[in-house]
Protein backbone atom coordinates (compact mmCIF):
# COMPACT_ATOMS: atom_id res chain seq x y z
CA MET A 1 79.66 97.50 112.42
CA THR A 2 77.45 100.51 111.86
CA ILE A 3 79.03 103.75 110.71
CA GLU A 4 76.92 106.81 110.10
CA GLY A 5 77.00 107.70 106.42
CA TRP A 6 78.03 104.19 105.28
CA GLN A 7 75.88 101.29 104.04
CA ILE A 8 76.45 97.55 104.07
CA ILE A 9 76.46 96.45 100.45
CA ALA A 10 76.95 92.71 100.91
CA THR A 11 77.91 89.97 103.37
CA TYR A 12 80.39 87.23 102.49
CA GLY A 13 81.43 83.88 103.89
CA SER A 14 85.15 84.54 103.48
CA ILE A 15 87.54 87.48 103.58
CA TRP A 16 88.91 86.50 100.18
CA ASP A 17 85.56 86.92 98.41
CA CYS A 18 84.94 90.24 100.11
CA GLU A 19 88.39 91.53 99.20
CA LEU A 20 87.83 90.64 95.54
CA ASP A 21 84.69 92.77 95.38
CA ALA A 22 86.33 95.54 97.42
CA GLY A 23 89.01 95.64 94.74
CA ARG A 24 86.38 95.91 92.02
CA LEU A 25 84.90 98.91 93.83
CA GLU A 26 88.33 100.50 94.31
CA ASP A 27 89.00 100.12 90.58
CA ALA A 28 85.78 102.06 89.98
CA GLY A 29 86.89 104.79 92.39
CA ILE A 30 84.45 103.82 95.15
CA PRO A 31 85.85 103.97 98.69
CA ASN A 32 84.97 101.01 100.88
CA LEU A 33 85.53 99.34 104.23
CA ILE A 34 85.66 95.67 105.14
CA ASP A 35 84.32 94.61 108.52
CA ARG A 36 85.91 91.24 109.20
CA ARG A 37 83.76 90.77 112.31
CA GLY A 38 86.35 88.71 114.15
CA ALA A 39 87.37 86.62 111.14
CA VAL A 40 90.47 84.49 111.50
CA GLY A 41 92.12 82.03 109.21
CA ILE A 42 95.17 80.52 107.67
CA THR A 43 96.08 81.44 104.13
CA GLY A 44 97.98 79.41 101.61
CA PRO A 45 97.53 77.24 98.53
CA GLY A 46 94.04 75.81 98.26
CA LEU A 47 92.57 77.97 101.02
CA ALA A 48 90.02 80.75 100.59
CA GLY A 49 91.46 82.98 103.31
CA GLY A 50 89.90 83.64 106.67
CA THR A 51 86.30 83.03 107.53
CA SER A 52 83.95 84.48 110.09
CA LEU A 53 81.04 82.88 111.90
CA PHE A 54 79.24 86.21 111.56
CA GLY A 55 80.05 86.94 107.92
CA VAL A 56 82.38 89.53 106.45
CA THR A 57 80.65 92.75 105.39
CA LEU A 58 81.50 95.28 102.71
CA LEU A 59 80.49 98.89 103.34
CA VAL A 60 80.52 101.97 101.10
CA PRO A 61 79.59 105.63 101.69
CA ASP A 62 75.89 106.40 101.25
CA GLU A 63 76.48 108.46 98.11
CA HIS A 64 78.18 105.50 96.35
CA ALA A 65 75.76 102.74 97.41
CA ASP A 66 73.67 102.59 94.22
CA GLU A 67 76.70 102.52 91.95
CA ALA A 68 78.41 99.88 94.12
CA ARG A 69 75.33 97.65 93.98
CA ARG A 70 75.22 98.07 90.21
CA ILE A 71 78.89 97.11 89.85
CA LEU A 72 78.68 94.10 92.15
CA GLY A 73 75.33 93.02 90.76
CA ASP A 74 76.88 92.28 87.38
CA GLY A 75 78.72 89.13 88.35
CA GLY A 76 80.31 89.75 91.73
CA THR A 77 81.61 86.98 93.91
CA SER A 78 79.61 84.96 96.44
CA ALA A 79 78.00 87.92 98.14
CA SER A 80 74.57 87.91 99.62
CA PRO A 81 72.47 90.99 100.29
CA PRO A 82 72.62 92.31 103.83
CA PRO A 83 69.93 91.02 106.22
């Protein structure tokens, strides 16, 4: 997903990991979007939520990108930088 004025901050292997970091950003007052890219899954005990063959991406508005990277760079979940 490409949205003008928004940047991909990280790509994740599961929805669960992405949602954890999205929550960290929300707690800091940073708006964000999750692009599940067709992710599906079954949730329940012992499962990490849905997964996507294409990765799950976390986006923030351009003006919050540096702060979001700083927040997630201090011990975020299993994110990888965007390609």
